[in-house]
Amino acid sequence: MSNTRQVSSLEQRTNEAINQLSTKFVDIIELATSGRKSKATSAAESYQIQCDVESLKRASNELLNVTKSLKEDWIFSKIQPEMHSEQLDDIEKRKELIDAVFAKYISSNLPTELGLFVGETASSSDSESRTKNEEEI
């Protein structure tokens, strides 16, 4: 199922459940606030209220199922949040900045650290800078 069809299906299920919740709630209030009645009428209205309450439960469960579906789709990356172009540009700038800092760190520190691991001797300027760095730490 395509992403837009799935979203419209979820929207439709949500709207139907909300409409049913509001309709049944209004029906219950109307039945509960009506005036004096005979026992037979009261019994029939009581049964109707019970049926409406069950409909409210089903509609509430449907909303919970929609919420569950949305969470699952979001967790498994089936739906992606819509981002504005400014947000996407900001993300790209941050990626570039992180890449630049990482590349600078790798180019300046990795050769000297690798040299020590493979048994090469460090030059006197490297050992002095390492000694200063160790003292600072």
N, C-alpha and C. Protein backbone atom coordinates (compact mmCIF):
# COMPACT_ATOMS: atom_id res chain seq x y z
N MET A 1 0.85 -1.17 0.00
CA MET A 1 0.00 0.00 0.00
C MET A 1 0.90 1.23 0.00
N SER A 2 0.58 2.20 -0.82
CA SER A 2 1.40 3.39 -0.88
C SER A 2 1.24 4.22 0.39
N ASN A 3 2.21 5.08 0.59
CA ASN A 3 2.25 5.90 1.80
C ASN A 3 1.04 6.82 1.90
N THR A 4 0.64 7.44 0.78
CA THR A 4 -0.49 8.37 0.83
C THR A 4 -1.80 7.64 1.06
N ARG A 5 -1.93 6.45 0.48
CA ARG A 5 -3.15 5.66 0.72
C ARG A 5 -3.25 5.25 2.18
N GLN A 6 -2.11 4.87 2.73
CA GLN A 6 -2.10 4.45 4.13
C GLN A 6 -2.45 5.62 5.04
N VAL A 7 -1.91 6.78 4.77
CA VAL A 7 -2.20 7.96 5.58
C VAL A 7 -3.67 8.34 5.46
N SER A 8 -4.21 8.32 4.25
CA SER A 8 -5.62 8.67 4.08
C SER A 8 -6.52 7.63 4.76
N SER A 9 -6.12 6.36 4.74
CA SER A 9 -6.88 5.33 5.43
C SER A 9 -6.89 5.57 6.94
N LEU A 10 -5.74 5.93 7.48
CA LEU A 10 -5.66 6.22 8.91
C LEU A 10 -6.48 7.46 9.26
N GLU A 11 -6.43 8.47 8.40
CA GLU A 11 -7.23 9.67 8.63
C GLU A 11 -8.72 9.35 8.60
N GLN A 12 -9.12 8.52 7.66
CA GLN A 12 -10.53 8.13 7.54
C GLN A 12 -10.98 7.35 8.78
N ARG A 13 -10.15 6.40 9.21
CA ARG A 13 -10.49 5.63 10.41
C ARG A 13 -10.59 6.53 11.63
N THR A 14 -9.68 7.50 11.74
CA THR A 14 -9.70 8.43 12.86
C THR A 14 -10.96 9.28 12.84
N ASN A 15 -11.29 9.83 11.68
CA ASN A 15 -12.48 10.67 11.57
C ASN A 15 -13.76 9.90 11.89
N GLU A 16 -13.84 8.67 11.39
CA GLU A 16 -15.03 7.86 11.68
C GLU A 16 -15.16 7.57 13.17
N ALA A 17 -14.05 7.25 13.81
CA ALA A 17 -14.09 6.96 15.25
C ALA A 17 -14.46 8.20 16.05
N ILE A 18 -13.92 9.34 15.67
CA ILE A 18 -14.24 10.59 16.37
C ILE A 18 -15.71 10.94 16.19
N ASN A 19 -16.21 10.80 14.97
CA ASN A 19 -17.64 11.07 14.73
C ASN A 19 -18.53 10.14 15.55
N GLN A 20 -18.16 8.88 15.60
CA GLN A 20 -18.96 7.93 16.37
C GLN A 20 -18.90 8.27 17.86
N LEU A 21 -17.73 8.64 18.36
CA LEU A 21 -17.62 9.02 19.76
C LEU A 21 -18.52 10.20 20.10
N SER A 22 -18.45 11.23 19.28
CA SER A 22 -19.26 12.43 19.58
C SER A 22 -20.76 12.14 19.43
N THR A 23 -21.14 11.39 18.41
CA THR A 23 -22.56 11.08 18.20
C THR A 23 -23.13 10.25 19.35
N LYS A 24 -22.42 9.20 19.72
CA LYS A 24 -22.91 8.32 20.79
C LYS A 24 -22.92 9.04 22.13
N PHE A 25 -21.95 9.90 22.35
CA PHE A 25 -21.94 10.66 23.61
C PHE A 25 -23.15 11.58 23.69
N VAL A 26 -23.47 12.26 22.60
CA VAL A 26 -24.65 13.13 22.56
C VAL A 26 -25.91 12.30 22.78
N ASP A 27 -25.99 11.12 22.15
CA ASP A 27 -27.16 10.25 22.33
C ASP A 27 -27.33 9.84 23.80
N ILE A 28 -26.24 9.50 24.45
CA ILE A 28 -26.31 9.11 25.86
C ILE A 28 -26.80 10.27 26.72
N ILE A 29 -26.27 11.46 26.46
CA ILE A 29 -26.69 12.64 27.24
C ILE A 29 -28.18 12.91 27.03
N GLU A 30 -28.65 12.82 25.80
CA GLU A 30 -30.07 13.06 25.53
C GLU A 30 -30.96 12.05 26.24
N LEU A 31 -30.56 10.78 26.23
CA LEU A 31 -31.36 9.75 26.90
C LEU A 31 -31.33 9.93 28.42
N ALA A 32 -30.21 10.34 28.95
CA ALA A 32 -30.08 10.47 30.40
C ALA A 32 -30.80 11.69 30.95
N THR A 33 -30.98 12.72 30.13
CA THR A 33 -31.58 13.97 30.64
C THR A 33 -33.06 14.09 30.34
N SER A 34 -33.66 13.10 29.73
CA SER A 34 -35.09 13.20 29.44
C SER A 34 -35.89 13.05 30.74
N GLY A 35 -37.13 13.56 30.72
CA GLY A 35 -37.97 13.64 31.93
C GLY A 35 -38.49 12.30 32.42
N ARG A 36 -39.58 12.36 33.19
CA ARG A 36 -40.19 11.17 33.80
C ARG A 36 -40.69 10.21 32.72
N LYS A 37 -40.49 8.93 33.01
CA LYS A 37 -40.89 7.91 32.04
C LYS A 37 -41.44 6.71 32.78
N SER A 38 -42.09 5.86 32.03
CA SER A 38 -42.56 4.60 32.60
C SER A 38 -41.39 3.65 32.77
N LYS A 39 -41.61 2.57 33.49
CA LYS A 39 -40.54 1.58 33.71
C LYS A 39 -40.11 0.94 32.39
N ALA A 40 -41.04 0.70 31.53
CA ALA A 40 -40.71 0.07 30.24
C ALA A 40 -39.85 1.00 29.40
N THR A 41 -40.20 2.28 29.37
CA THR A 41 -39.41 3.25 28.61
C THR A 41 -38.03 3.40 29.22
N SER A 42 -37.96 3.46 30.55
CA SER A 42 -36.67 3.57 31.24
C SER A 42 -35.79 2.36 30.96
N ALA A 43 -36.40 1.18 30.93
CA ALA A 43 -35.64 -0.04 30.65
C ALA A 43 -35.10 -0.03 29.22
N ALA A 44 -35.93 0.41 28.29
CA ALA A 44 -35.49 0.48 26.88
C ALA A 44 -34.37 1.50 26.72
N GLU A 45 -34.50 2.65 27.38
CA GLU A 45 -33.46 3.67 27.29
C GLU A 45 -32.17 3.21 27.98
N SER A 46 -32.33 2.48 29.07
CA SER A 46 -31.16 1.94 29.76
C SER A 46 -30.40 0.98 28.84
N TYR A 47 -31.14 0.13 28.14
CA TYR A 47 -30.52 -0.79 27.19
C TYR A 47 -29.85 -0.01 26.05
N GLN A 48 -30.49 1.04 25.58
CA GLN A 48 -29.92 1.87 24.51
C GLN A 48 -28.63 2.54 24.98
N ILE A 49 -28.62 3.01 26.22
CA ILE A 49 -27.41 3.63 26.77
C ILE A 49 -26.28 2.60 26.85
N GLN A 50 -26.60 1.38 27.26
CA GLN A 50 -25.58 0.32 27.31
C GLN A 50 -25.01 0.04 25.92
N CYS A 51 -25.86 0.02 24.93
CA CYS A 51 -25.40 -0.19 23.55
C CYS A 51 -24.52 0.96 23.09
N ASP A 52 -24.91 2.19 23.44
CA ASP A 52 -24.11 3.36 23.06
C ASP A 52 -22.76 3.35 23.76
N VAL A 53 -22.73 2.91 25.01
CA VAL A 53 -21.46 2.82 25.74
C VAL A 53 -20.55 1.80 25.07
N GLU A 54 -21.09 0.69 24.63
CA GLU A 54 -20.29 -0.30 23.91
C GLU A 54 -19.74 0.29 22.60
N SER A 55 -20.55 1.10 21.94
CA SER A 55 -20.08 1.77 20.71
C SER A 55 -18.96 2.75 21.04
N LEU A 56 -19.06 3.44 22.17
CA LEU A 56 -17.99 4.33 22.61
C LEU A 56 -16.70 3.55 22.85
N LYS A 57 -16.82 2.40 23.47
CA LYS A 57 -15.65 1.56 23.72
C LYS A 57 -15.00 1.12 22.41
N ARG A 58 -15.82 0.69 21.46
CA ARG A 58 -15.28 0.25 20.16
C ARG A 58 -14.59 1.41 19.44
N ALA A 59 -15.19 2.59 19.48
CA ALA A 59 -14.58 3.75 18.82
C ALA A 59 -13.27 4.13 19.50
N SER A 60 -13.24 4.06 20.83
CA SER A 60 -12.00 4.35 21.56
C SER A 60 -10.91 3.34 21.22
N ASN A 61 -11.29 2.07 21.15
CA ASN A 61 -10.32 1.05 20.76
C ASN A 61 -9.82 1.26 19.34
N GLU A 62 -10.67 1.72 18.46
CA GLU A 62 -10.25 2.00 17.08
C GLU A 62 -9.21 3.13 17.07
N LEU A 63 -9.44 4.16 17.88
CA LEU A 63 -8.45 5.24 17.97
C LEU A 63 -7.12 4.72 18.53
N LEU A 64 -7.19 3.84 19.50
CA LEU A 64 -5.97 3.24 20.04
C LEU A 64 -5.25 2.40 18.98
N ASN A 65 -6.01 1.69 18.16
CA ASN A 65 -5.40 0.90 17.08
C ASN A 65 -4.74 1.80 16.04
N VAL A 66 -5.38 2.93 15.73
CA VAL A 66 -4.77 3.88 14.79
C VAL A 66 -3.46 4.41 15.37
N THR A 67 -3.48 4.75 16.65
CA THR A 67 -2.27 5.24 17.31
C THR A 67 -1.17 4.17 17.27
N LYS A 68 -1.54 2.94 17.54
CA LYS A 68 -0.57 1.84 17.50
C LYS A 68 0.01 1.69 16.10
N SER A 69 -0.83 1.76 15.08
CA SER A 69 -0.35 1.65 13.70
C SER A 69 0.61 2.77 13.35
N LEU A 70 0.29 3.98 13.78
CA LEU A 70 1.18 5.12 13.52
C LEU A 70 2.52 4.93 14.21
N LYS A 71 2.50 4.48 15.45
CA LYS A 71 3.75 4.25 16.17
C LYS A 71 4.59 3.18 15.48
N GLU A 72 3.97 2.08 15.10
CA GLU A 72 4.70 1.00 14.43
C GLU A 72 5.29 1.48 13.11
N ASP A 73 4.51 2.20 12.33
CA ASP A 73 5.00 2.70 11.05
C ASP A 73 6.14 3.68 11.24
N TRP A 74 6.05 4.50 12.27
CA TRP A 74 7.11 5.48 12.53
C TRP A 74 8.38 4.77 13.00
N ILE A 75 8.23 3.78 13.89
CA ILE A 75 9.39 3.06 14.41
C ILE A 75 10.10 2.30 13.30
N PHE A 76 9.34 1.67 12.43
CA PHE A 76 9.92 0.88 11.35
C PHE A 76 10.18 1.71 10.09
N SER A 77 10.12 3.02 10.22
CA SER A 77 10.45 3.99 9.16
C SER A 77 9.60 3.82 7.92
N LYS A 78 8.36 3.42 8.08
CA LYS A 78 7.46 3.34 6.94
C LYS A 78 6.88 4.70 6.61
N ILE A 79 6.86 5.59 7.60
CA ILE A 79 6.42 6.96 7.34
C ILE A 79 7.54 7.90 7.75
N GLN A 80 7.72 8.92 6.99
CA GLN A 80 8.75 9.91 7.25
C GLN A 80 8.09 11.24 7.55
N PRO A 81 8.59 11.95 8.55
CA PRO A 81 8.03 13.27 8.81
C PRO A 81 8.35 14.22 7.67
N GLU A 82 7.43 15.11 7.38
CA GLU A 82 7.67 16.09 6.34
C GLU A 82 8.52 17.22 6.91
N MET A 83 9.57 17.56 6.20
CA MET A 83 10.45 18.62 6.66
C MET A 83 10.43 19.75 5.65
N HIS A 84 10.55 20.95 6.17
CA HIS A 84 10.64 22.11 5.30
C HIS A 84 12.06 22.19 4.74
N SER A 85 12.21 22.91 3.66
CA SER A 85 13.52 23.00 3.01
C SER A 85 14.55 23.64 3.93
N GLU A 86 14.11 24.56 4.81
CA GLU A 86 15.06 25.19 5.73
C GLU A 86 15.61 24.16 6.70
N GLN A 87 14.76 23.26 7.18
CA GLN A 87 15.22 22.22 8.10
C GLN A 87 16.19 21.29 7.39
N LEU A 88 15.89 20.94 6.14
CA LEU A 88 16.79 20.07 5.39
C LEU A 88 18.13 20.74 5.14
N ASP A 89 18.11 22.05 4.83
CA ASP A 89 19.36 22.79 4.64
C ASP A 89 20.17 22.82 5.92
N ASP A 90 19.50 23.01 7.06
CA ASP A 90 20.17 23.04 8.35
C ASP A 90 20.82 21.70 8.65
N ILE A 91 20.12 20.63 8.34
CA ILE A 91 20.67 19.29 8.57
C ILE A 91 21.90 19.07 7.69
N GLU A 92 21.83 19.48 6.43
CA GLU A 92 22.97 19.33 5.52
C GLU A 92 24.17 20.14 6.01
N LYS A 93 23.94 21.36 6.49
CA LYS A 93 25.04 22.18 7.00
C LYS A 93 25.68 21.52 8.21
N ARG A 94 24.87 20.96 9.08
CA ARG A 94 25.42 20.28 10.26
C ARG A 94 26.24 19.06 9.86
N LYS A 95 25.75 18.30 8.87
CA LYS A 95 26.50 17.14 8.39
C LYS A 95 27.86 17.57 7.84
N GLU A 96 27.86 18.62 7.03
CA GLU A 96 29.11 19.10 6.44
C GLU A 96 30.08 19.57 7.52
N LEU A 97 29.58 20.26 8.54
CA LEU A 97 30.42 20.74 9.62
C LEU A 97 31.02 19.57 10.40
N ILE A 98 30.21 18.59 10.70
CA ILE A 98 30.70 17.41 11.43
C ILE A 98 31.73 16.67 10.60
N ASP A 99 31.48 16.52 9.30
CA ASP A 99 32.45 15.84 8.42
C ASP A 99 33.77 16.60 8.37
N ALA A 100 33.70 17.93 8.31
CA ALA A 100 34.92 18.73 8.26
C ALA A 100 35.72 18.60 9.55
N VAL A 101 35.05 18.67 10.68
CA VAL A 101 35.75 18.54 11.97
C VAL A 101 36.35 17.15 12.10
N PHE A 102 35.61 16.14 11.73
CA PHE A 102 36.10 14.77 11.82
C PHE A 102 37.31 14.56 10.90
N ALA A 103 37.23 15.07 9.67
CA ALA A 103 38.34 14.94 8.73
C ALA A 103 39.58 15.65 9.24
N LYS A 104 39.40 16.82 9.84
CA LYS A 104 40.54 17.57 10.38
C LYS A 104 41.17 16.80 11.53
N TYR A 105 40.35 16.23 12.39
CA TYR A 105 40.86 15.45 13.52
C TYR A 105 41.62 14.23 13.02
N ILE A 106 41.05 13.53 12.06
CA ILE A 106 41.70 12.33 11.52
C ILE A 106 43.04 12.68 10.88
N SER A 107 43.05 13.74 10.07
CA SER A 107 44.29 14.08 9.36
C SER A 107 45.38 14.57 10.30
N SER A 108 45.01 15.18 11.41
CA SER A 108 46.04 15.70 12.31
C SER A 108 46.47 14.70 13.38
N ASN A 109 45.60 13.82 13.82
CA ASN A 109 45.92 12.94 14.94
C ASN A 109 46.18 11.49 14.56
N LEU A 110 45.54 11.01 13.55
CA LEU A 110 45.63 9.59 13.24
C LEU A 110 47.04 9.15 12.83
N PRO A 111 47.75 9.89 11.97
CA PRO A 111 49.09 9.41 11.58
C PRO A 111 50.03 9.26 12.78
N THR A 112 50.02 10.20 13.71
CA THR A 112 50.92 10.10 14.86
C THR A 112 50.50 8.97 15.79
N GLU A 113 49.22 8.78 15.99
CA GLU A 113 48.76 7.71 16.86
C GLU A 113 49.01 6.35 16.22
N LEU A 114 48.84 6.23 14.91
CA LEU A 114 49.11 4.97 14.23
C LEU A 114 50.58 4.64 14.26
N GLY A 115 51.43 5.66 14.15
CA GLY A 115 52.86 5.44 14.20
C GLY A 115 53.28 4.80 15.51
N LEU A 116 52.69 5.23 16.60
CA LEU A 116 53.03 4.66 17.89
C LEU A 116 52.58 3.20 18.00
N PHE A 117 51.49 2.87 17.36
CA PHE A 117 50.98 1.50 17.44
C PHE A 117 51.80 0.52 16.61
N VAL A 118 52.32 0.96 15.49
CA VAL A 118 53.06 0.04 14.63
C VAL A 118 54.54 0.03 14.95
N GLY A 119 54.97 0.78 15.95
CA GLY A 119 56.35 0.70 16.41
C GLY A 119 57.27 1.77 15.86
N GLU A 120 56.79 2.71 15.11
CA GLU A 120 57.64 3.78 14.61
C GLU A 120 57.95 4.72 15.76
N THR A 121 59.11 5.34 15.69
CA THR A 121 59.46 6.31 16.72
C THR A 121 58.93 7.66 16.30
N ALA A 122 58.45 8.38 17.26
CA ALA A 122 57.90 9.70 16.97
C ALA A 122 59.03 10.70 16.93
N SER A 123 58.89 11.72 16.14
CA SER A 123 59.91 12.77 16.07
C SER A 123 59.89 13.55 17.38
N SER A 124 60.91 14.32 17.61
CA SER A 124 61.01 15.06 18.87
C SER A 124 59.89 16.08 19.01
N SER A 125 59.48 16.72 17.90
CA SER A 125 58.39 17.69 17.99
C SER A 125 57.06 17.00 18.30
N ASP A 126 56.87 15.79 17.76
CA ASP A 126 55.65 15.03 18.06
C ASP A 126 55.62 14.61 19.52
N SER A 127 56.78 14.16 20.03
CA SER A 127 56.80 13.71 21.42
C SER A 127 56.62 14.88 22.37
N GLU A 128 57.15 16.05 22.01
CA GLU A 128 56.96 17.24 22.84
C GLU A 128 55.49 17.65 22.87
N SER A 129 54.84 17.63 21.71
CA SER A 129 53.42 18.01 21.66
C SER A 129 52.57 17.00 22.41
N ARG A 130 52.93 15.71 22.31
CA ARG A 130 52.18 14.69 23.05
C ARG A 130 52.37 14.86 24.55
N THR A 131 53.59 15.20 24.96
CA THR A 131 53.87 15.41 26.38
C THR A 131 53.06 16.59 26.90
N LYS A 132 52.96 17.66 26.12
CA LYS A 132 52.16 18.82 26.52
C LYS A 132 50.69 18.44 26.61
N ASN A 133 50.21 17.68 25.64
CA ASN A 133 48.81 17.25 25.67
C ASN A 133 48.52 16.36 26.87
N GLU A 134 49.45 15.47 27.20
CA GLU A 134 49.25 14.59 28.35
C GLU A 134 49.25 15.37 29.65
N GLU A 135 50.11 16.41 29.73
CA GLU A 135 50.15 17.24 30.93
C GLU A 135 48.85 18.02 31.09
N GLU A 136 48.27 18.47 29.98
CA GLU A 136 47.02 19.22 30.04
C GLU A 136 45.87 18.34 30.51
N ILE A 137 45.92 17.09 30.15
CA ILE A 137 44.84 16.17 30.51
C ILE A 137 44.95 15.87 31.98
